[in-house]
């Protein structure tokens, strides 16, 4: 069953094309939205177990920009990496190579959501050219220290079990629809029943779009073993942090501490939302991004 997106009408007004580009010996699938001749290009990096669909509600609010949104290797429609691990070093090298391959012109904005915030931060520190950095629901501290760290510990046990089981059973556990729904219910904060239904449907459809068990387990270990604070002090670019006051993965206090580590960062906290800013309040996130980019626009 497909639940219609509340953002479909807005997204339909933005031109989109689909491309495949070889990166590090494997094929990366990416979606190009908006005007190819726009003076600002936004490269978007989704989070753990997601794909480009998760950031489309934000894309729908950003008419006037060129947006490139790839599926991470091993997720969605992108092939898994063959020479690197699906971890922070591997994904950061992939992101640098991807941006080099698509060669954006004009001002380049690199945006990462959740696990994507860690990948973006590591890639920028590693030399990824970027004029502006935007991190949505940034992982500001180790996930196990979050306000609901017990859920993360349960997730660790879940992924450990998936690794310990025989291949077929482990793969089935990772794609178990009941567990996926429990994760979705835990993350969603909106009280709008229609929006909750759509969010759960999105997770049902795309949360298990990964190539194999190895990819998921490598990426999970990376997602709970690293955070943006490791890289923040070495990111000189103007940075926008868009956080949530009910994020179960990173407490809002950690977001303020993270902001202080950057040479030049602004923090915007959205109230009454959790780790699904991109699903629940994409218009507010996009408005903050627009304002930030307008302030940074060349004279």
C-alpha atoms as a PDB file:
ATOM      1  CA  UNK A   1       0.000   0.000   0.000  1.00  0.00           C
ATOM      2  CA  UNK A   2       1.217   3.489  -0.868  1.00  0.00           C
ATOM      3  CA  UNK A   3       0.090   6.371   1.332  1.00  0.00           C
ATOM      4  CA  UNK A   4       0.106   9.673  -0.627  1.00  0.00           C
ATOM      5  CA  UNK A   5       2.689  12.190   0.513  1.00  0.00           C
ATOM      6  CA  UNK A   6       1.438  15.509   1.907  1.00  0.00           C
ATOM      7  CA  UNK A   7       4.303  17.091  -0.036  1.00  0.00           C
ATOM      8  CA  UNK A   8       3.559  15.560  -3.445  1.00  0.00           C
ATOM      9  CA  UNK A   9       1.958  18.686  -4.955  1.00  0.00           C
ATOM     10  CA  UNK A  10       4.955  20.855  -4.045  1.00  0.00           C
ATOM     11  CA  UNK A  11       7.464  18.271  -5.223  1.00  0.00           C
ATOM     12  CA  UNK A  12       5.642  17.855  -8.534  1.00  0.00           C
ATOM     13  CA  UNK A  13       6.398  21.498  -9.385  1.00  0.00           C
ATOM     14  CA  UNK A  14      10.152  20.869  -9.239  1.00  0.00           C
ATOM     15  CA  UNK A  15      11.788  19.243 -12.296  1.00  0.00           C
ATOM     16  CA  UNK A  16      13.626  15.990 -11.542  1.00  0.00           C
ATOM     17  CA  UNK A  17      15.916  13.689 -13.485  1.00  0.00           C
ATOM     18  CA  UNK A  18      17.662  10.489 -12.446  1.00  0.00           C
ATOM     19  CA  UNK A  19      21.317   9.727 -13.155  1.00  0.00           C
ATOM     20  CA  UNK A  20      23.920   7.069 -12.504  1.00  0.00           C
ATOM     21  CA  UNK A  21      27.585   7.935 -12.078  1.00  0.00           C
ATOM     22  CA  UNK A  22      30.535   5.608 -11.410  1.00  0.00           C
ATOM     23  CA  UNK A  23      32.193   6.442  -8.098  1.00  0.00           C
ATOM     24  CA  UNK A  24      35.104   4.456  -6.674  1.00  0.00           C
ATOM     25  CA  UNK A  25      34.393   1.585  -9.019  1.00  0.00           C
ATOM     26  CA  UNK A  26      30.668   1.220  -8.258  1.00  0.00           C
ATOM     27  CA  UNK A  27      27.519   2.900  -9.532  1.00  0.00           C
ATOM     28  CA  UNK A  28      25.930   5.688  -7.513  1.00  0.00           C
ATOM     29  CA  UNK A  29      22.341   6.582  -8.333  1.00  0.00           C
ATOM     30  CA  UNK A  30      21.348  10.183  -7.742  1.00  0.00           C
ATOM     31  CA  UNK A  31      18.404  12.479  -8.341  1.00  0.00           C
ATOM     32  CA  UNK A  32      18.790  15.996  -9.716  1.00  0.00           C
ATOM     33  CA  UNK A  33      16.039  18.453  -8.812  1.00  0.00           C
ATOM     34  CA  UNK A  34      15.430  22.007  -9.915  1.00  0.00           C
ATOM     35  CA  UNK A  35      17.219  24.166 -12.458  1.00  0.00           C
ATOM     36  CA  UNK A  36      20.588  22.756 -13.635  1.00  0.00           C
ATOM     37  CA  UNK A  37      21.697  26.349 -14.297  1.00  0.00           C
ATOM     38  CA  UNK A  38      20.939  27.592 -10.764  1.00  0.00           C
ATOM     39  CA  UNK A  39      23.796  29.470  -9.110  1.00  0.00           C
ATOM     40  CA  UNK A  40      23.566  27.387  -5.920  1.00  0.00           C
ATOM     41  CA  UNK A  41      23.820  23.606  -5.810  1.00  0.00           C
ATOM     42  CA  UNK A  42      22.772  21.700  -2.681  1.00  0.00           C
ATOM     43  CA  UNK A  43      24.143  18.182  -2.275  1.00  0.00           C
ATOM     44  CA  UNK A  44      21.993  16.221   0.188  1.00  0.00           C
ATOM     45  CA  UNK A  45      23.163  13.153   2.141  1.00  0.00           C
ATOM     46  CA  UNK A  46      20.476  11.039   3.805  1.00  0.00           C
ATOM     47  CA  UNK A  47      20.728   9.115   7.062  1.00  0.00           C
ATOM     48  CA  UNK A  48      21.161   5.509   8.148  1.00  0.00           C
ATOM     49  CA  UNK A  49      18.925   2.951   6.409  1.00  0.00           C
ATOM     50  CA  UNK A  50      17.259   5.680   4.371  1.00  0.00           C
ATOM     51  CA  UNK A  51      17.576   6.728   0.755  1.00  0.00           C
ATOM     52  CA  UNK A  52      16.908   9.883  -1.254  1.00  0.00           C
ATOM     53  CA  UNK A  53      13.143   9.651  -0.670  1.00  0.00           C
ATOM     54  CA  UNK A  54      13.560  10.723   2.940  1.00  0.00           C
ATOM     55  CA  UNK A  55      14.821  14.171   1.994  1.00  0.00           C
ATOM     56  CA  UNK A  56      12.266  14.821  -0.760  1.00  0.00           C
ATOM     57  CA  UNK A  57       9.919  16.705   1.623  1.00  0.00           C
ATOM     58  CA  UNK A  58      12.747  19.209   2.148  1.00  0.00           C
ATOM     59  CA  UNK A  59      13.508  19.275  -1.589  1.00  0.00           C
ATOM     60  CA  UNK A  60       9.839  20.115  -2.186  1.00  0.00           C
ATOM     61  CA  UNK A  61      10.288  23.387  -0.261  1.00  0.00           C
ATOM     62  CA  UNK A  62      13.416  24.502  -2.134  1.00  0.00           C
ATOM     63  CA  UNK A  63      12.356  25.614  -5.586  1.00  0.00           C
ATOM     64  CA  UNK A  64      15.004  27.801  -7.190  1.00  0.00           C
ATOM     65  CA  UNK A  65      18.023  25.703  -6.275  1.00  0.00           C
ATOM     66  CA  UNK A  66      19.785  22.854  -8.008  1.00  0.00           C
ATOM     67  CA  UNK A  67      19.690  19.845  -5.680  1.00  0.00           C
ATOM     68  CA  UNK A  68      21.644  16.603  -6.053  1.00  0.00           C
ATOM     69  CA  UNK A  69      20.446  13.788  -3.802  1.00  0.00           C
ATOM     70  CA  UNK A  70      22.279  10.449  -4.060  1.00  0.00           C
ATOM     71  CA  UNK A  71      21.480   7.142  -2.419  1.00  0.00           C
ATOM     72  CA  UNK A  72      24.353   6.138  -0.157  1.00  0.00           C
ATOM     73  CA  UNK A  73      26.314   3.157  -1.499  1.00  0.00           C
ATOM     74  CA  UNK A  74      24.587  -0.056  -0.478  1.00  0.00           C
ATOM     75  CA  UNK A  75      21.241   1.659   0.106  1.00  0.00           C
ATOM     76  CA  UNK A  76      18.360   2.510  -2.196  1.00  0.00           C
ATOM     77  CA  UNK A  77      19.447   2.101  -5.798  1.00  0.00           C
ATOM     78  CA  UNK A  78      23.187   2.648  -5.315  1.00  0.00           C
ATOM     79  CA  UNK A  79      25.550  -0.314  -5.464  1.00  0.00           C
ATOM     80  CA  UNK A  80      27.592  -1.230  -2.413  1.00  0.00           C
ATOM     81  CA  UNK A  81      31.214  -0.166  -2.156  1.00  0.00           C
ATOM     82  CA  UNK A  82      33.695  -2.847  -3.152  1.00  0.00           C
ATOM     83  CA  UNK A  83      37.034  -1.421  -2.042  1.00  0.00           C
ATOM     84  CA  UNK A  84      36.010   0.527   1.077  1.00  0.00           C
ATOM     85  CA  UNK A  85      33.941  -0.128   4.166  1.00  0.00           C
ATOM     86  CA  UNK A  86      30.466   1.293   4.684  1.00  0.00           C
ATOM     87  CA  UNK A  87      31.749   3.363   7.554  1.00  0.00           C
ATOM     88  CA  UNK A  88      32.647   6.998   8.150  1.00  0.00           C
ATOM     89  CA  UNK A  89      36.025   6.869   6.337  1.00  0.00           C
ATOM     90  CA  UNK A  90      34.549   4.916   3.432  1.00  0.00           C
ATOM     91  CA  UNK A  91      31.461   7.059   3.027  1.00  0.00           C
ATOM     92  CA  UNK A  92      33.388  10.315   3.415  1.00  0.00           C
ATOM     93  CA  UNK A  93      35.782   9.269   0.656  1.00  0.00           C
ATOM     94  CA  UNK A  94      32.815   8.263  -1.469  1.00  0.00           C
ATOM     95  CA  UNK A  95      31.143  11.675  -0.903  1.00  0.00           C
ATOM     96  CA  UNK A  96      34.280  13.560  -1.909  1.00  0.00           C
ATOM     97  CA  UNK A  97      34.541  11.424  -5.050  1.00  0.00           C
ATOM     98  CA  UNK A  98      30.844  11.799  -5.838  1.00  0.00           C
ATOM     99  CA  UNK A  99      30.963  15.595  -5.629  1.00  0.00           C
ATOM    100  CA  UNK A 100      34.079  15.589  -7.791  1.00  0.00           C
ATOM    101  CA  UNK A 101      32.314  13.384 -10.360  1.00  0.00           C
ATOM    102  CA  UNK A 102      29.187  15.550 -10.624  1.00  0.00           C
ATOM    103  CA  UNK A 103      31.282  18.756 -10.517  1.00  0.00           C
ATOM    104  CA  UNK A 104      28.718  21.277  -9.203  1.00  0.00           C
ATOM    105  CA  UNK A 105      29.223  24.840 -10.366  1.00  0.00           C
ATOM    106  CA  UNK A 106      28.600  28.070  -8.476  1.00  0.00           C
ATOM    107  CA  UNK A 107      28.055  28.034  -4.735  1.00  0.00           C
ATOM    108  CA  UNK A 108      28.080  24.516  -3.262  1.00  0.00           C
ATOM    109  CA  UNK A 109      26.091  23.638  -0.155  1.00  0.00           C
ATOM    110  CA  UNK A 110      26.595  20.234   1.486  1.00  0.00           C
ATOM    111  CA  UNK A 111      23.673  19.051   3.639  1.00  0.00           C
ATOM    112  CA  UNK A 112      23.597  15.935   5.795  1.00  0.00           C
ATOM    113  CA  UNK A 113      20.783  14.465   7.868  1.00  0.00           C
ATOM    114  CA  UNK A 114      21.418  12.294  10.946  1.00  0.00           C
ATOM    115  CA  UNK A 115      24.133   9.745  10.020  1.00  0.00           C
ATOM    116  CA  UNK A 116      24.586  11.870   6.916  1.00  0.00           C
ATOM    117  CA  UNK A 117      25.680  14.725   9.200  1.00  0.00           C
ATOM    118  CA  UNK A 118      28.655  12.643  10.337  1.00  0.00           C
ATOM    119  CA  UNK A 119      29.538  11.686   6.761  1.00  0.00           C
ATOM    120  CA  UNK A 120      29.351  15.316   5.618  1.00  0.00           C
ATOM    121  CA  UNK A 121      31.443  16.568   8.545  1.00  0.00           C
ATOM    122  CA  UNK A 122      34.135  13.948   7.942  1.00  0.00           C
ATOM    123  CA  UNK A 123      34.169  14.618   4.201  1.00  0.00           C
ATOM    124  CA  UNK A 124      34.528  18.387   4.649  1.00  0.00           C
ATOM    125  CA  UNK A 125      37.410  17.874   7.076  1.00  0.00           C
ATOM    126  CA  UNK A 126      38.907  15.496   4.515  1.00  0.00           C
ATOM    127  CA  UNK A 127      38.910  18.186   1.837  1.00  0.00           C
ATOM    128  CA  UNK A 128      35.429  18.186   0.300  1.00  0.00           C
ATOM    129  CA  UNK A 129      34.935  21.608  -1.332  1.00  0.00           C
ATOM    130  CA  UNK A 130      31.950  23.339   0.239  1.00  0.00           C
ATOM    131  CA  UNK A 131      30.923  26.946   0.616  1.00  0.00           C
ATOM    132  CA  UNK A 132      28.239  26.235   3.224  1.00  0.00           C
ATOM    133  CA  UNK A 133      27.585  23.218   5.471  1.00  0.00           C
ATOM    134  CA  UNK A 134      24.091  22.331   6.741  1.00  0.00           C
ATOM    135  CA  UNK A 135      23.477  19.567   9.283  1.00  0.00           C
ATOM    136  CA  UNK A 136      19.898  18.494  10.045  1.00  0.00           C
ATOM    137  CA  UNK A 137      19.299  16.438  13.217  1.00  0.00           C
ATOM    138  CA  UNK A 138      23.085  16.339  13.615  1.00  0.00           C
ATOM    139  CA  UNK A 139      24.531  13.540  15.710  1.00  0.00           C
ATOM    140  CA  UNK A 140      26.138  15.846  18.249  1.00  0.00           C
ATOM    141  CA  UNK A 141      27.231  13.235  20.798  1.00  0.00           C
ATOM    142  CA  UNK A 142      27.645   9.442  20.986  1.00  0.00           C
ATOM    143  CA  UNK A 143      24.248   7.832  20.387  1.00  0.00           C
ATOM    144  CA  UNK A 144      24.555   5.665  23.494  1.00  0.00           C
ATOM    145  CA  UNK A 145      24.555   8.802  25.647  1.00  0.00           C
ATOM    146  CA  UNK A 146      21.280  10.129  24.238  1.00  0.00           C
ATOM    147  CA  UNK A 147      18.157  10.751  26.342  1.00  0.00           C
ATOM    148  CA  UNK A 148      16.813   7.364  25.309  1.00  0.00           C
ATOM    149  CA  UNK A 149      20.131   5.566  25.140  1.00  0.00           C
ATOM    150  CA  UNK A 150      18.366   2.389  26.217  1.00  0.00           C
ATOM    151  CA  UNK A 151      16.680   2.310  22.809  1.00  0.00           C
ATOM    152  CA  UNK A 152      20.065   2.617  21.150  1.00  0.00           C
ATOM    153  CA  UNK A 153      21.334  -0.248  23.287  1.00  0.00           C
ATOM    154  CA  UNK A 154      18.339  -2.285  22.179  1.00  0.00           C
ATOM    155  CA  UNK A 155      19.259  -1.406  18.590  1.00  0.00           C
ATOM    156  CA  UNK A 156      22.830  -2.558  19.238  1.00  0.00           C
ATOM    157  CA  UNK A 157      21.477  -5.898  20.462  1.00  0.00           C
ATOM    158  CA  UNK A 158      19.135  -6.095  17.453  1.00  0.00           C
ATOM    159  CA  UNK A 159      21.935  -5.544  14.946  1.00  0.00           C
ATOM    160  CA  UNK A 160      24.280  -7.836  16.899  1.00  0.00           C
ATOM    161  CA  UNK A 161      21.621 -10.557  16.678  1.00  0.00           C
ATOM    162  CA  UNK A 162      21.224  -9.982  12.955  1.00  0.00           C
ATOM    163  CA  UNK A 163      24.968 -10.439  12.547  1.00  0.00           C
ATOM    164  CA  UNK A 164      25.117 -13.575  14.703  1.00  0.00           C
ATOM    165  CA  UNK A 165      22.291 -15.422  12.924  1.00  0.00           C
ATOM    166  CA  UNK A 166      22.803 -17.364   9.702  1.00  0.00           C
ATOM    167  CA  UNK A 167      22.717 -15.109   6.618  1.00  0.00           C
ATOM    168  CA  UNK A 168      19.116 -15.806   5.611  1.00  0.00           C
ATOM    169  CA  UNK A 169      17.712 -15.402   9.122  1.00  0.00           C
ATOM    170  CA  UNK A 170      19.808 -12.335   9.859  1.00  0.00           C
ATOM    171  CA  UNK A 171      18.693 -10.697   6.639  1.00  0.00           C
ATOM    172  CA  UNK A 172      15.052 -11.455   7.494  1.00  0.00           C
ATOM    173  CA  UNK A 173      15.459  -9.983  10.974  1.00  0.00           C
ATOM    174  CA  UNK A 174      16.841  -6.744   9.556  1.00  0.00           C
ATOM    175  CA  UNK A 175      13.802  -6.447   7.290  1.00  0.00           C
ATOM    176  CA  UNK A 176      11.232  -7.478   9.886  1.00  0.00           C
ATOM    177  CA  UNK A 177       8.249  -5.208   9.348  1.00  0.00           C
ATOM    178  CA  UNK A 178       7.162  -5.256  12.986  1.00  0.00           C
ATOM    179  CA  UNK A 179      10.568  -4.040  14.194  1.00  0.00           C
ATOM    180  CA  UNK A 180      10.692  -1.398  11.473  1.00  0.00           C
ATOM    181  CA  UNK A 181       7.274  -0.160  12.586  1.00  0.00           C
ATOM    182  CA  UNK A 182       8.354  -0.026  16.243  1.00  0.00           C
ATOM    183  CA  UNK A 183      11.351   2.104  15.225  1.00  0.00           C
ATOM    184  CA  UNK A 184       9.086   4.394  13.212  1.00  0.00           C
ATOM    185  CA  UNK A 185       6.608   4.814  16.068  1.00  0.00           C
ATOM    186  CA  UNK A 186       9.441   5.631  18.477  1.00  0.00           C
ATOM    187  CA  UNK A 187      10.844   8.361  16.222  1.00  0.00           C
ATOM    188  CA  UNK A 188       7.632  10.089  15.113  1.00  0.00           C
ATOM    189  CA  UNK A 189       6.473  12.912  17.417  1.00  0.00           C
ATOM    190  CA  UNK A 190       3.660  14.446  15.382  1.00  0.00           C
ATOM    191  CA  UNK A 191       0.114  13.951  16.647  1.00  0.00           C
ATOM    192  CA  UNK A 192      -1.330  14.329  13.168  1.00  0.00           C
ATOM    193  CA  UNK A 193      -2.682  10.838  12.376  1.00  0.00           C
ATOM    194  CA  UNK A 194      -2.447  11.324   8.607  1.00  0.00           C
ATOM    195  CA  UNK A 195       1.174  12.468   8.821  1.00  0.00           C
ATOM    196  CA  UNK A 196       2.048   9.595  11.168  1.00  0.00           C
ATOM    197  CA  UNK A 197       0.456   7.117   8.758  1.00  0.00           C
ATOM    198  CA  UNK A 198       2.510   8.508   5.884  1.00  0.00           C
ATOM    199  CA  UNK A 199       5.755   8.453   7.925  1.00  0.00           C
ATOM    200  CA  UNK A 200       5.200   4.807   8.850  1.00  0.00           C
ATOM    201  CA  UNK A 201       4.479   3.992   5.219  1.00  0.00           C
ATOM    202  CA  UNK A 202       7.710   5.675   4.160  1.00  0.00           C
ATOM    203  CA  UNK A 203       9.671   3.554   6.608  1.00  0.00           C
ATOM    204  CA  UNK A 204       7.819   0.425   5.488  1.00  0.00           C
ATOM    205  CA  UNK A 205       8.710   1.136   1.870  1.00  0.00           C
ATOM    206  CA  UNK A 206      12.289   2.396   2.098  1.00  0.00           C
ATOM    207  CA  UNK A 207      13.851   1.492   5.463  1.00  0.00           C
ATOM    208  CA  UNK A 208      14.793  -1.964   4.206  1.00  0.00           C
ATOM    209  CA  UNK A 209      16.140  -0.901   0.801  1.00  0.00           C
ATOM    210  CA  UNK A 210      19.700  -2.076   1.410  1.00  0.00           C
ATOM    211  CA  UNK A 211      21.869  -4.408  -0.627  1.00  0.00           C
ATOM    212  CA  UNK A 212      22.943  -6.915   2.019  1.00  0.00           C
ATOM    213  CA  UNK A 213      23.460  -7.568   5.722  1.00  0.00           C
ATOM    214  CA  UNK A 214      27.123  -6.530   5.696  1.00  0.00           C
ATOM    215  CA  UNK A 215      26.313  -3.019   4.500  1.00  0.00           C
ATOM    216  CA  UNK A 216      23.708  -2.423   7.207  1.00  0.00           C
ATOM    217  CA  UNK A 217      25.875  -3.747  10.013  1.00  0.00           C
ATOM    218  CA  UNK A 218      28.930  -1.736   8.953  1.00  0.00           C
ATOM    219  CA  UNK A 219      26.869   1.443   8.636  1.00  0.00           C
ATOM    220  CA  UNK A 220      25.124   0.884  11.965  1.00  0.00           C
ATOM    221  CA  UNK A 221      28.402   0.450  13.833  1.00  0.00           C
ATOM    222  CA  UNK A 222      29.624   3.666  12.230  1.00  0.00           C
ATOM    223  CA  UNK A 223      26.427   5.539  13.108  1.00  0.00           C
ATOM    224  CA  UNK A 224      26.710   4.790  16.834  1.00  0.00           C
ATOM    225  CA  UNK A 225      30.507   4.910  16.987  1.00  0.00           C
ATOM    226  CA  UNK A 226      31.076   8.436  15.666  1.00  0.00           C
ATOM    227  CA  UNK A 227      29.552  11.887  15.960  1.00  0.00           C
ATOM    228  CA  UNK A 228      29.953  15.353  14.500  1.00  0.00           C
ATOM    229  CA  UNK A 229      31.799  16.722  17.533  1.00  0.00           C
ATOM    230  CA  UNK A 230      34.910  14.820  16.372  1.00  0.00           C
ATOM    231  CA  UNK A 231      35.128  17.043  13.294  1.00  0.00           C
ATOM    232  CA  UNK A 232      33.443  20.339  14.187  1.00  0.00           C
ATOM    233  CA  UNK A 233      36.512  22.355  15.196  1.00  0.00           C
ATOM    234  CA  UNK A 234      38.123  21.654  11.812  1.00  0.00           C
ATOM    235  CA  UNK A 235      35.200  22.912   9.704  1.00  0.00           C
ATOM    236  CA  UNK A 236      35.808  26.605   8.956  1.00  0.00           C
ATOM    237  CA  UNK A 237      32.847  27.021   6.591  1.00  0.00           C
ATOM    238  CA  UNK A 238      29.691  28.795   7.722  1.00  0.00           C
ATOM    239  CA  UNK A 239      27.579  26.019   9.200  1.00  0.00           C
ATOM    240  CA  UNK A 240      23.879  25.786   9.973  1.00  0.00           C
ATOM    241  CA  UNK A 241      22.734  23.242  12.554  1.00  0.00           C
ATOM    242  CA  UNK A 242      19.000  22.457  12.479  1.00  0.00           C
ATOM    243  CA  UNK A 243      18.129  20.462  15.588  1.00  0.00           C
ATOM    244  CA  UNK A 244      15.025  19.300  17.460  1.00  0.00           C
ATOM    245  CA  UNK A 245      14.126  19.665  21.103  1.00  0.00           C
ATOM    246  CA  UNK A 246      12.656  16.154  21.340  1.00  0.00           C
ATOM    247  CA  UNK A 247      15.356  14.259  19.493  1.00  0.00           C
ATOM    248  CA  UNK A 248      15.782  10.880  21.203  1.00  0.00           C
ATOM    249  CA  UNK A 249      19.221  10.339  19.689  1.00  0.00           C
ATOM    250  CA  UNK A 250      20.915  13.615  20.625  1.00  0.00           C
ATOM    251  CA  UNK A 251      19.766  15.781  23.560  1.00  0.00           C
ATOM    252  CA  UNK A 252      19.325  19.434  22.749  1.00  0.00           C
ATOM    253  CA  UNK A 253      21.972  20.360  25.341  1.00  0.00           C
ATOM    254  CA  UNK A 254      24.518  18.474  23.238  1.00  0.00           C
ATOM    255  CA  UNK A 255      23.505  20.526  20.201  1.00  0.00           C
ATOM    256  CA  UNK A 256      24.441  23.741  22.020  1.00  0.00           C
ATOM    257  CA  UNK A 257      27.771  22.215  22.991  1.00  0.00           C
ATOM    258  CA  UNK A 258      28.306  21.158  19.384  1.00  0.00           C
ATOM    259  CA  UNK A 259      27.635  24.663  18.075  1.00  0.00           C
ATOM    260  CA  UNK A 260      30.354  26.036  20.345  1.00  0.00           C
ATOM    261  CA  UNK A 261      32.919  23.697  18.768  1.00  0.00           C
ATOM    262  CA  UNK A 262      32.511  25.140  15.265  1.00  0.00           C
ATOM    263  CA  UNK A 263      34.468  28.250  14.266  1.00  0.00           C
ATOM    264  CA  UNK A 264      31.357  29.689  12.589  1.00  0.00           C
ATOM    265  CA  UNK A 265      28.045  27.951  13.260  1.00  0.00           C
ATOM    266  CA  UNK A 266      24.440  28.883  13.930  1.00  0.00           C
ATOM    267  CA  UNK A 267      22.013  26.587  15.745  1.00  0.00           C
ATOM    268  CA  UNK A 268      18.280  26.624  15.121  1.00  0.00           C
ATOM    269  CA  UNK A 269      16.196  24.384  17.384  1.00  0.00           C
ATOM    270  CA  UNK A 270      12.718  23.384  16.223  1.00  0.00           C
ATOM    271  CA  UNK A 271      10.275  22.721  19.079  1.00  0.00           C
ATOM    272  CA  UNK A 272       7.946  19.740  19.449  1.00  0.00           C
ATOM    273  CA  UNK A 273       9.713  17.546  16.925  1.00  0.00           C
ATOM    274  CA  UNK A 274      12.227  14.718  17.193  1.00  0.00           C
ATOM    275  CA  UNK A 275      14.626  12.975  14.840  1.00  0.00           C
ATOM    276  CA  UNK A 276      12.303  13.294  11.830  1.00  0.00           C
ATOM    277  CA  UNK A 277      12.600  16.996  11.036  1.00  0.00           C
ATOM    278  CA  UNK A 278      12.754  16.099   7.333  1.00  0.00           C
ATOM    279  CA  UNK A 279       9.356  14.364   7.511  1.00  0.00           C
ATOM    280  CA  UNK A 280       7.461  16.388  10.091  1.00  0.00           C
ATOM    281  CA  UNK A 281       8.552  20.020   9.599  1.00  0.00           C
ATOM    282  CA  UNK A 282      10.428  20.225   6.269  1.00  0.00           C
ATOM    283  CA  UNK A 283       9.031  23.681   5.480  1.00  0.00           C
ATOM    284  CA  UNK A 284      10.473  25.174   8.671  1.00  0.00           C
ATOM    285  CA  UNK A 285      13.844  23.527   8.068  1.00  0.00           C
ATOM    286  CA  UNK A 286      13.891  24.751   4.466  1.00  0.00           C
ATOM    287  CA  UNK A 287      12.974  28.292   5.520  1.00  0.00           C
ATOM    288  CA  UNK A 288      15.916  28.410   7.905  1.00  0.00           C
ATOM    289  CA  UNK A 289      18.171  27.097   5.148  1.00  0.00           C
ATOM    290  CA  UNK A 290      16.948  29.774   2.725  1.00  0.00           C
ATOM    291  CA  UNK A 291      17.545  32.544   5.246  1.00  0.00           C
ATOM    292  CA  UNK A 292      21.004  31.235   6.011  1.00  0.00           C
ATOM    293  CA  UNK A 293      21.926  31.051   2.323  1.00  0.00           C
ATOM    294  CA  UNK A 294      20.491  34.504   1.629  1.00  0.00           C
ATOM    295  CA  UNK A 295      22.711  35.946   4.360  1.00  0.00           C
ATOM    296  CA  UNK A 296      25.717  34.197   2.866  1.00  0.00           C
ATOM    297  CA  UNK A 297      24.959  35.128  -0.745  1.00  0.00           C
ATOM    298  CA  UNK A 298      27.799  36.840  -2.596  1.00  0.00           C
ATOM    299  CA  UNK A 299      27.381  40.617  -2.908  1.00  0.00           C
END
